[in-house]
Every structure is written in C-alpha cells, then in structure tokens.
Protein backbone atom coordinates (compact mmCIF):
# COMPACT_ATOMS: atom_id res chain seq x y z
CA UNK A 1 4.95 -12.52 16.01
CA UNK A 2 7.71 -9.80 16.34
CA UNK A 3 6.20 -8.41 19.41
CA UNK A 4 6.00 -11.98 21.01
CA UNK A 5 9.65 -12.97 20.08
CA UNK A 6 10.88 -9.80 21.70
CA UNK A 7 9.03 -10.16 25.03
CA UNK A 8 9.97 -13.73 25.04
CA UNK A 9 13.76 -12.87 24.44
CA UNK A 10 13.28 -10.66 27.58
CA UNK A 11 12.06 -13.84 29.72
CA UNK A 12 8.47 -13.19 29.59
CA UNK A 13 5.88 -15.91 29.31
CA UNK A 14 4.17 -15.05 25.95
CA UNK A 15 1.02 -16.46 24.32
CA UNK A 16 0.18 -15.58 20.95
CA UNK A 17 -3.22 -15.90 19.91
CA UNK A 18 -4.26 -16.10 16.26
CA UNK A 19 -8.05 -16.41 14.84
CA UNK A 20 -7.07 -17.94 11.65
CA UNK A 21 -5.51 -21.58 11.23
CA UNK A 22 -2.16 -20.77 10.88
CA UNK A 23 0.08 -17.39 11.35
CA UNK A 24 1.30 -15.06 8.61
CA UNK A 25 -1.69 -15.05 6.15
CA UNK A 26 -0.99 -11.54 5.21
CA UNK A 27 2.72 -11.70 5.46
CA UNK A 28 2.59 -14.74 2.82
CA UNK A 29 0.86 -12.29 0.50
CA UNK A 30 3.12 -9.40 0.61
CA UNK A 31 5.37 -8.23 -1.92
CA UNK A 32 3.42 -10.78 -4.52
CA UNK A 33 4.52 -13.63 -2.46
CA UNK A 34 7.83 -12.49 -2.14
CA UNK A 35 7.73 -10.26 0.99
CA UNK A 36 9.42 -6.82 0.70
CA UNK A 37 10.39 -6.62 4.20
CA UNK A 38 11.92 -3.42 4.26
CA UNK A 39 13.84 -0.70 2.64
CA UNK A 40 17.53 0.54 3.04
CA UNK A 41 16.65 4.20 2.74
CA UNK A 42 18.07 6.45 5.51
CA UNK A 43 15.70 7.41 8.36
CA UNK A 44 14.99 10.59 7.23
CA UNK A 45 13.91 9.54 3.40
CA UNK A 46 12.21 6.74 5.19
CA UNK A 47 10.02 8.89 7.21
CA UNK A 48 9.12 10.93 4.10
CA UNK A 49 7.49 7.73 2.71
CA UNK A 50 4.66 7.93 5.23
CA UNK A 51 1.35 9.89 4.30
CA UNK A 52 1.07 11.87 7.53
CA UNK A 53 2.21 10.53 10.87
CA UNK A 54 5.65 9.29 9.97
CA UNK A 55 7.15 11.06 12.63
CA UNK A 56 5.18 9.10 15.15
CA UNK A 57 7.31 6.39 14.54
CA UNK A 58 10.80 7.92 15.27
CA UNK A 59 11.22 6.18 18.98
CA UNK A 60 9.96 2.95 17.19
CA UNK A 61 12.50 3.01 14.61
CA UNK A 62 15.38 4.34 16.80
CA UNK A 63 14.85 1.04 18.70
CA UNK A 64 14.50 -1.31 15.95
CA UNK A 65 15.19 -0.04 12.31
CA UNK A 66 15.86 -1.56 8.92
CA UNK A 67 19.52 -2.38 9.77
CA UNK A 68 18.38 -4.27 12.94
CA UNK A 69 15.77 -6.25 11.08
CA UNK A 70 18.24 -7.08 8.10
CA UNK A 71 20.39 -8.56 10.83
CA UNK A 72 17.70 -10.43 12.71
CA UNK A 73 16.78 -12.35 9.66
CA UNK A 74 20.45 -12.85 8.55
CA UNK A 75 21.76 -13.99 11.89
CA UNK A 76 18.91 -16.55 11.86
CA UNK A 77 20.37 -18.21 8.53
CA UNK A 78 17.96 -16.06 5.91
CA UNK A 79 19.87 -14.58 2.82
CA UNK A 80 18.49 -11.20 1.98
CA UNK A 81 19.03 -9.26 -1.29
CA UNK A 82 18.43 -5.35 -2.06
CA UNK A 83 16.61 -4.77 -5.39
CA UNK A 84 15.96 -1.71 -7.18
CA UNK A 85 14.68 1.52 -5.16
CA UNK A 86 16.55 -0.11 -2.26
CA UNK A 87 13.71 -2.74 -1.55
CA UNK A 88 14.84 -5.72 0.25
CA UNK A 89 13.68 -9.47 -0.19
CA UNK A 90 14.71 -12.60 1.00
CA UNK A 91 16.77 -14.44 -1.64
CA UNK A 92 14.56 -17.11 -1.95
CA UNK A 93 11.68 -14.94 -3.43
CA UNK A 94 9.44 -16.36 -1.07
CA UNK A 95 7.54 -15.02 1.80
CA UNK A 96 7.31 -18.41 3.52
CA UNK A 97 10.96 -17.79 4.40
CA UNK A 98 10.28 -14.85 6.27
CA UNK A 99 7.39 -16.61 7.93
CA UNK A 100 9.83 -19.86 8.82
CA UNK A 101 12.40 -17.99 10.58
CA UNK A 102 9.67 -16.31 12.84
CA UNK A 103 7.95 -19.33 13.64
CA UNK A 104 11.31 -21.07 14.42
CA UNK A 105 12.31 -18.20 16.40
CA UNK A 106 8.84 -18.46 18.71
CA UNK A 107 9.41 -22.06 19.23
CA UNK A 108 13.01 -21.99 20.39
CA UNK A 109 11.85 -19.15 22.92
CA UNK A 110 8.91 -21.10 24.06
CA UNK A 111 6.29 -18.62 22.74
CA UNK A 112 2.73 -20.74 23.01
CA UNK A 113 0.71 -20.02 19.96
CA UNK A 114 -2.94 -20.89 19.92
CA UNK A 115 -4.69 -21.05 16.45
CA UNK A 116 -8.33 -20.72 15.79
CA UNK A 117 -8.98 -18.50 18.73
CA UNK A 118 -10.60 -15.07 18.06
CA UNK A 119 -10.43 -12.53 20.54
CA UNK A 120 -13.77 -10.76 21.10
CA UNK A 121 -13.08 -8.53 24.29
CA UNK A 122 -10.54 -7.26 26.82
CA UNK A 123 -11.12 -8.02 30.52
CA UNK A 124 -10.37 -4.60 32.02
CA UNK A 125 -10.57 -3.79 35.87
CA UNK A 126 -9.90 -0.51 37.33
CA UNK A 127 -8.45 0.94 34.18
CA UNK A 128 -5.94 -1.80 33.49
CA UNK A 129 -5.93 -5.23 31.19
CA UNK A 130 -6.28 -8.43 32.96
CA UNK A 131 -7.05 -10.86 30.00
CA UNK A 132 -8.86 -11.65 26.71
CA UNK A 133 -12.25 -13.18 26.23
CA UNK A 134 -12.38 -15.60 23.20
CA UNK A 135 -15.18 -16.21 20.99
CA UNK A 136 -15.82 -19.71 22.51
CA UNK A 137 -16.52 -17.89 25.96
CA UNK A 138 -12.95 -19.01 27.60
CA UNK A 139 -10.78 -16.45 28.98
CA UNK A 140 -7.04 -16.09 28.89
CA UNK A 141 -5.46 -13.99 31.67
CA UNK A 142 -2.47 -12.07 30.97
CA UNK A 143 -0.79 -8.75 32.65
CA UNK A 144 0.10 -7.09 29.44
CA UNK A 145 -1.97 -7.40 26.11
CA UNK A 146 -0.54 -6.61 22.89
CA UNK A 147 -2.95 -6.08 20.07
CA UNK A 148 -1.56 -6.37 16.76
CA UNK A 149 -4.65 -7.48 14.67
CA UNK A 150 -4.14 -5.38 11.48
CA UNK A 151 -6.27 -3.09 9.40
CA UNK A 152 -9.38 -4.07 7.12
CA UNK A 153 -8.28 -4.94 3.85
CA UNK A 154 -7.65 -8.68 2.68
CA UNK A 155 -10.06 -9.81 5.44
CA UNK A 156 -9.81 -13.28 4.46
CA UNK A 157 -6.55 -13.18 5.92
CA UNK A 158 -7.75 -12.37 9.41
CA UNK A 159 -7.40 -8.46 9.24
CA UNK A 160 -10.96 -7.63 9.39
CA UNK A 161 -10.63 -4.85 11.92
CA UNK A 162 -11.93 -6.71 14.88
CA UNK A 163 -9.17 -5.57 16.93
CA UNK A 164 -9.70 -1.79 16.31
CA UNK A 165 -13.43 -2.39 17.02
CA UNK A 166 -12.46 -4.02 20.25
CA UNK A 167 -10.43 -0.89 21.43
CA UNK A 168 -13.38 1.64 19.90
CA UNK A 169 -15.86 0.02 22.19
CA UNK A 170 -13.13 0.72 25.27
CA UNK A 171 -13.23 4.41 24.43
CA UNK A 172 -10.25 4.93 21.55
CA UNK A 173 -10.78 7.08 19.14
CA UNK A 174 -10.68 5.61 15.37
CA UNK A 175 -9.57 7.83 12.43
CA UNK A 176 -12.09 6.69 9.61
CA UNK A 177 -10.57 3.66 7.95
CA UNK A 178 -10.12 3.69 4.20
CA UNK A 179 -7.97 1.85 1.59
CA UNK A 180 -4.52 2.52 0.89
CA UNK A 181 -2.08 1.40 -1.91
CA UNK A 182 -5.19 0.46 -4.12
CA UNK A 183 -6.41 0.56 -7.76
CA UNK A 184 -8.64 3.56 -8.84
CA UNK A 185 -11.74 3.51 -10.90
CA UNK A 186 -12.69 5.57 -13.44
CA UNK A 187 -16.10 6.63 -15.31
CA UNK A 188 -14.98 6.13 -18.88
CA UNK A 189 -16.99 2.86 -20.13
CA UNK A 190 -14.49 2.08 -22.61
CA UNK A 191 -11.99 1.32 -20.22
CA UNK A 192 -12.89 -2.35 -20.08
CA UNK A 193 -11.75 -2.92 -23.61
CA UNK A 194 -8.38 -2.02 -22.44
CA UNK A 195 -7.78 -4.40 -19.40
CA UNK A 196 -4.60 -5.84 -19.16
CA UNK A 197 -2.83 -3.30 -21.43
CA UNK A 198 0.45 -1.83 -19.80
CA UNK A 199 1.91 1.53 -20.52
CA UNK A 200 5.47 2.08 -19.80
CA UNK A 201 7.61 5.44 -19.61
CA UNK A 202 4.49 7.41 -19.07
CA UNK A 203 3.54 9.98 -16.15
CA UNK A 204 0.44 10.84 -14.44
CA UNK A 205 -0.96 14.06 -13.37
CA UNK A 206 -4.09 13.94 -11.02
CA UNK A 207 -6.01 17.08 -10.36
CA UNK A 208 -9.13 18.53 -8.94
CA UNK A 209 -8.64 21.93 -10.46
CA UNK A 210 -7.10 23.45 -7.82
CA UNK A 211 -4.53 20.81 -6.40
CA UNK A 212 -2.30 18.56 -8.80
CA UNK A 213 -0.29 15.51 -7.90
CA UNK A 214 2.40 14.46 -10.34
CA UNK A 215 3.76 11.02 -10.52
CA UNK A 216 7.64 9.85 -11.60
CA UNK A 217 8.00 8.55 -14.92
CA UNK A 218 7.09 4.71 -14.66
CA UNK A 219 4.45 2.28 -15.40
CA UNK A 220 0.56 1.67 -14.95
CA UNK A 221 -1.79 -1.08 -16.28
CA UNK A 222 -5.57 -0.78 -17.16
CA UNK A 223 -8.27 -3.01 -15.26
CA UNK A 224 -11.59 -3.81 -16.15
CA UNK A 225 -12.76 -0.56 -14.12
CA UNK A 226 -10.02 1.74 -14.18
CA UNK A 227 -6.16 1.94 -13.52
CA UNK A 228 -3.59 0.20 -11.59
CA UNK A 229 0.14 -0.35 -11.54
CA UNK A 230 2.85 1.07 -9.51
CA UNK A 231 2.54 4.55 -10.35
CA UNK A 232 -1.21 4.46 -9.44
CA UNK A 233 -0.87 2.37 -6.31
CA UNK A 234 1.75 4.61 -4.70
CA UNK A 235 -0.08 7.92 -5.21
CA UNK A 236 -3.55 6.30 -4.49
CA UNK A 237 -3.78 7.61 -1.27
CA UNK A 238 -3.13 11.18 -1.85
CA UNK A 239 -5.61 10.83 -4.90
CA UNK A 240 -8.39 9.82 -2.71
CA UNK A 241 -7.79 12.48 -0.28
CA UNK A 242 -8.70 14.76 -3.21
CA UNK A 243 -11.89 12.92 -3.90
CA UNK A 244 -15.30 14.78 -2.64
CA UNK A 245 -18.98 14.75 -3.88
CA UNK A 246 -18.55 18.59 -4.45
CA UNK A 247 -15.55 18.22 -7.46
CA UNK A 248 -14.44 15.76 -9.93
CA UNK A 249 -10.87 14.57 -10.25
CA UNK A 250 -9.26 13.77 -13.25
CA UNK A 251 -6.04 12.06 -14.29
CA UNK A 252 -3.99 13.06 -17.41
CA UNK A 253 -1.74 10.22 -18.84
CA UNK A 254 1.36 11.77 -20.74
CA UNK A 255 2.14 9.03 -23.12
CA UNK A 256 5.33 10.95 -24.28
CA UNK A 257 6.90 12.66 -21.29
CA UNK A 258 10.17 12.85 -23.01
CA UNK A 259 8.99 14.97 -25.64
CA UNK A 260 7.45 18.44 -25.56
CA UNK A 261 4.25 19.54 -27.32
CA UNK A 262 6.36 21.28 -29.72
CA UNK A 263 8.68 18.33 -30.38
CA UNK A 264 5.61 16.06 -30.83
CA UNK A 265 4.02 18.13 -33.34
CA UNK A 266 7.35 18.59 -35.18
CA UNK A 267 7.44 14.73 -35.34
CA UNK A 268 4.16 14.28 -36.23
CA UNK A 269 4.62 16.73 -39.29
CA UNK A 270 7.50 14.72 -40.41
CA UNK A 271 5.40 11.29 -40.06
CA UNK A 272 2.64 12.73 -42.14
CA UNK A 273 4.69 14.08 -44.81
CA UNK A 274 6.60 10.93 -45.05
CA UNK A 275 3.52 8.65 -44.98
CA UNK A 276 1.07 10.96 -46.51
CA UNK A 277 -0.81 7.85 -48.22
CA UNK A 278 -0.80 5.89 -44.95
CA UNK A 279 -4.12 5.68 -42.94
CA UNK A 280 -3.99 7.38 -39.54
CA UNK A 281 -4.40 4.34 -38.06
CA UNK A 282 -1.24 2.79 -39.17
CA UNK A 283 0.62 5.86 -38.60
CA UNK A 284 -0.29 5.48 -34.89
CA UNK A 285 1.31 2.37 -34.42
CA UNK A 286 4.49 4.19 -34.43
CA UNK A 287 3.22 6.14 -31.22
CA UNK A 288 0.71 3.92 -29.13
CA UNK A 289 0.17 0.07 -28.38
CA UNK A 290 -2.22 -1.71 -30.71
CA UNK A 291 -5.04 -1.97 -28.32
CA UNK A 292 -5.16 1.95 -27.49
CA UNK A 293 -5.43 3.09 -31.20
CA UNK A 294 -8.91 2.91 -31.94
CA UNK A 295 -10.03 4.36 -28.51
CA UNK A 296 -7.41 7.14 -29.02
CA UNK A 297 -8.92 8.07 -32.47
CA UNK A 298 -12.33 7.88 -30.96
CA UNK A 299 -11.57 9.97 -28.19
CA UNK A 300 -9.55 12.73 -30.59
CA UNK A 301 -13.07 12.75 -32.69
CA UNK A 302 -11.12 11.81 -35.86
CA UNK A 303 -12.50 9.51 -38.82
CA UNK A 304 -10.31 6.32 -38.44
CA UNK A 305 -10.40 5.83 -42.53
CA UNK A 306 -8.64 9.33 -42.91
CA UNK A 307 -5.20 9.44 -44.58
CA UNK A 308 -2.38 11.23 -43.13
CA UNK A 309 -2.63 13.64 -45.88
CA UNK A 310 -6.19 14.57 -44.96
CA UNK A 311 -5.37 15.31 -41.46
CA UNK A 312 -6.07 18.84 -40.38
CA UNK A 313 -4.11 21.24 -38.22
CA UNK A 314 -7.07 21.08 -35.55
CA UNK A 315 -6.68 17.36 -35.59
CA UNK A 316 -2.99 17.06 -35.38
CA UNK A 317 -3.11 19.61 -32.52
CA UNK A 318 -5.76 17.32 -30.93
CA UNK A 319 -3.45 14.29 -31.09
CA UNK A 320 -0.30 15.91 -29.59
CA UNK A 321 -2.75 17.20 -26.93
CA UNK A 322 -4.02 13.69 -26.31
CA UNK A 323 -0.60 12.08 -26.19
CA UNK A 324 0.57 14.73 -23.60
CA UNK A 325 -2.43 14.20 -21.42
CA UNK A 326 -5.18 11.15 -22.06
CA UNK A 327 -7.90 12.11 -19.78
CA UNK A 328 -9.83 10.00 -17.56
CA UNK A 329 -12.29 10.97 -14.73
CA UNK A 330 -11.61 8.99 -11.61
CA UNK A 331 -14.87 7.82 -9.58
CA UNK A 332 -13.26 6.62 -6.58
CA UNK A 333 -11.06 3.68 -5.06
CA UNK A 334 -11.86 -0.01 -5.50
CA UNK A 335 -13.07 -1.47 -2.06
CA UNK A 336 -11.25 -0.85 1.11
CA UNK A 337 -11.02 -4.89 1.27
CA UNK A 338 -8.89 -4.74 -2.06
CA UNK A 339 -6.53 -2.04 -0.41
CA UNK A 340 -2.96 -3.38 0.15
CA UNK A 341 -2.96 -1.56 3.38
CA UNK A 342 -5.52 0.25 5.62
CA UNK A 343 -5.53 3.87 6.13
CA UNK A 344 -6.79 5.35 9.52
CA UNK A 345 -7.10 3.10 12.81
CA UNK A 346 -6.45 3.86 16.30
CA UNK A 347 -5.69 7.51 17.05
CA UNK A 348 -1.93 8.05 17.38
CA UNK A 349 -3.01 10.74 20.25
CA UNK A 350 -3.90 7.92 22.46
CA UNK A 351 -0.76 5.80 21.89
CA UNK A 352 2.54 6.63 23.51
CA UNK A 353 5.31 6.36 20.93
CA UNK A 354 7.93 5.53 23.24
CA UNK A 355 6.08 2.67 24.46
CA UNK A 356 3.10 2.01 22.12
CA UNK A 357 1.01 1.53 25.05
CA UNK A 358 -2.48 3.00 25.35
CA UNK A 359 -2.75 6.12 27.16
CA UNK A 360 -6.16 5.08 27.98
CA UNK A 361 -5.87 1.76 29.39
CA UNK A 362 -2.90 0.48 31.45
CA UNK A 363 -0.76 -2.25 30.21
CA UNK A 364 -2.83 -2.48 26.93
CA UNK A 365 -0.09 -1.99 23.60
CA UNK A 366 -1.14 -1.39 20.40
CA UNK A 367 1.14 -1.90 17.22
CA UNK A 368 1.16 -2.39 13.34
CA UNK A 369 -1.31 -1.53 10.75
CA UNK A 370 -4.58 -1.29 13.37
CA UNK A 371 -2.89 2.09 14.21
CA UNK A 372 -3.14 5.38 12.12
CA UNK A 373 0.05 4.77 10.00
CA UNK A 374 0.66 4.03 6.22
CA UNK A 375 3.11 4.55 3.69
CA UNK A 376 4.22 4.17 0.15
CA UNK A 377 4.90 0.60 -1.33
CA UNK A 378 8.52 -0.39 -1.07
CA UNK A 379 8.72 -2.24 2.29
CA UNK A 380 8.10 1.02 4.52
CA UNK A 381 4.92 -0.22 5.93
CA UNK A 382 6.10 -3.95 6.88
CA UNK A 383 9.39 -2.05 8.50
CA UNK A 384 6.89 -0.13 10.44
CA UNK A 385 4.93 -3.26 11.70
CA UNK A 386 7.97 -4.89 12.67
CA UNK A 387 9.24 -2.09 14.54
CA UNK A 388 6.00 -1.30 16.48
CA UNK A 389 5.92 -4.78 17.18
CA UNK A 390 9.35 -5.17 18.45
CA UNK A 391 8.98 -2.02 20.79
CA UNK A 392 5.51 -3.13 22.07
CA UNK A 393 6.74 -6.48 23.09
CA UNK A 394 9.85 -4.92 24.80
CA UNK A 395 7.85 -2.54 26.57
CA UNK A 396 5.25 -4.75 27.62
CA UNK A 397 8.01 -7.05 28.85
CA UNK A 398 10.07 -4.44 30.76
CA UNK A 399 7.02 -2.81 32.31
C-alpha cells in the first residue's frame, strides 16, 4: 500500500493486486490488533535491532524513516502516541485506523485495487518485466512491478511465500525461510501443567554449552508446549540459530535476578528458622507462584511433606540453585506459520539498496518481509516494510 501511494503521488497509474478479499489482513493483526507501526529510536539504535542485515536499510531509512512515517499519518488526521520502549501506536488502539488512512489515500490518488487476484508468475521479455499473470489466466501489463507479498507466517492473511517462490523460479537466491519472533517448545512434559502461568521480573539465559544469550529482566509465559512472552519472543531468532542436531540448547530461568546466590541462601536460612514447623510447600509460597511450587519441589528432588526444620543443607543449596536457574531444554521453535515475522527471504545481494530494484530483472522491485531482513518486536519490522515500500514505489515511478 505504501509503495502504491508513493508511486501514485508521483503521477503514475498504479494497480494494486491483492489475493485476499480485502487489504491489510496481516496489518490488522499486528501489535495484538493495535498496530505498533514504528519506534522513535534514533537510526543507529534502530539498526541494531535488526538481526544481521540492518545496514541494507540505510538508504530506505534516509529516504523515509520513523518521523516521516509519523508525519504521514498525523497529516492525514490520525493521532498517534508513544508508549514504553518508544513504541508508536494509533491513539485509537486499533490497527484498522492505520489501514483506513492507507485506503483513503489510495482512493484519493486513484490507485486501482483489485482483490481476489492472485499473481502466479511475472511476464518477462528480454530480461525486463512487462506484466503479471493471474491465477485465472488473465494478464495485467505494467512497465514496473513491485512485489510486496510478505513472508511465510500467518498464511491465512495471504503471506504464504508465493511471491518468494515466483522470484525463486526467476533465478533469485532465497535465504532459507525460518521463524522469527516465535514461542519456543521445550522437552519437559510437565510444562503443560504450567500453561498460562506468567513469570514477572525474571531473567533468561539460553546456552548451548559454548555461547550464551542473556535476556533483560522482564516477563515470560508458559504455553502448553513451552515458553513464550516478551523475553522469549525477542530472543527467539538468536536461540533458533543456536539449535542443531549435534548439541542441546537449555534455558535457565533466574526467578530472583535481583538477589545473589548468597543473599538467597541467607534469606532461606532465616525463613527456615522462623518457620521451622511449616511445610516446605507452604514456605515456598513466599518465593514462587502457587502453580509452580509442586513442580519446583519435584525437580529439586525434595519430599513435599518435609518441614522446614528437616531440610538439609544440600537440599537448601538445591533450592537456591533452582531459584537462580530453573532449567528447561529447548526442543525447537513453533512452526514457521506461527512466527510473527519470517526470517530469510530474497537475498539482499540481488537487490539494489538505493532503489529496491532486482539486480537480475529490470523493472522488478522487491520490498517488505519477502526480503532477507528481520528485527526485534517494537515496531522495527513494520517500519522496514513502510520504508522499503516507499523507496520501491518512488524508484519505480521515477525510473
């Protein structure tokens, strides 16, 4: 939509093809339905939030960055707000507010939108695009083609990698698609009993025995098969990169990151002395959520009927150790379909970062999630989509 708007603003006749019944299906889901459209961090910090290929976006961001995007919506009457971690949302808290602005702008500029029109191949002659062939056999001719068909997650919204497959057949290299910003599964079967439990003010440490990935202090939530929540989602891409058949990856949950082992041990000694006749289960209510206590005691190998006065030094040390590192083994990510973003895509070596034009086929422009760029949560991925779309639309129009 941003590519279409920019090209039409520059006076071109623009047709937007959409395979679904309506535009913006994935946009409507973003930010849990609130649309975290960008982030107000400065350029250098912004680029650090991209996994590997952030530098590729410098030209696109120089052309159209967060302040330009904010101005675009505000000038069209949409009020925005900045929340914690500098994330930007519409004041309405509705993704549909963003979609409405984009659709109204396209109507104003005369962009012709054709829904239920799935492109299946590009028409190429002498190394240059000349049109698009639709699933129904119809050809739509055009001197410039912009592909902005998304990745391979949430395929029910339309992003089913079909655009990536079209350019793959035309000779483009595809960096293998994998999930980004996704919950992780674990091997421990008891995790199902903890489904829905949220842990707050905790820290995570992922490790394969050599490399460690340590989170900020924040929150996570147990799922029926593993772990999710902000800390897990943010680091999931890096964790997935650690996974291989040859080595195991573990996560240690520090349930009390504000306390050292020594401080925790001293606190336990105090509590045990003050509550010597109390059962260990009851005493742990001061330290753990109720639903975690029985599993914690079982993992520690302690008789749940023991009183505090009966806990040995070895058992106390085991409790301290588990509070500072409750360990789970990561079995892998959830399926790619469930990822908030797709990692991988069309190789950046085959795209000119100054124009977003394919280096292999003249007149073909690629942008958004289908190219090999991905970032943390917080509005970074959507800004990359808006910026690359804007640059592709401008480049196609001016060429």
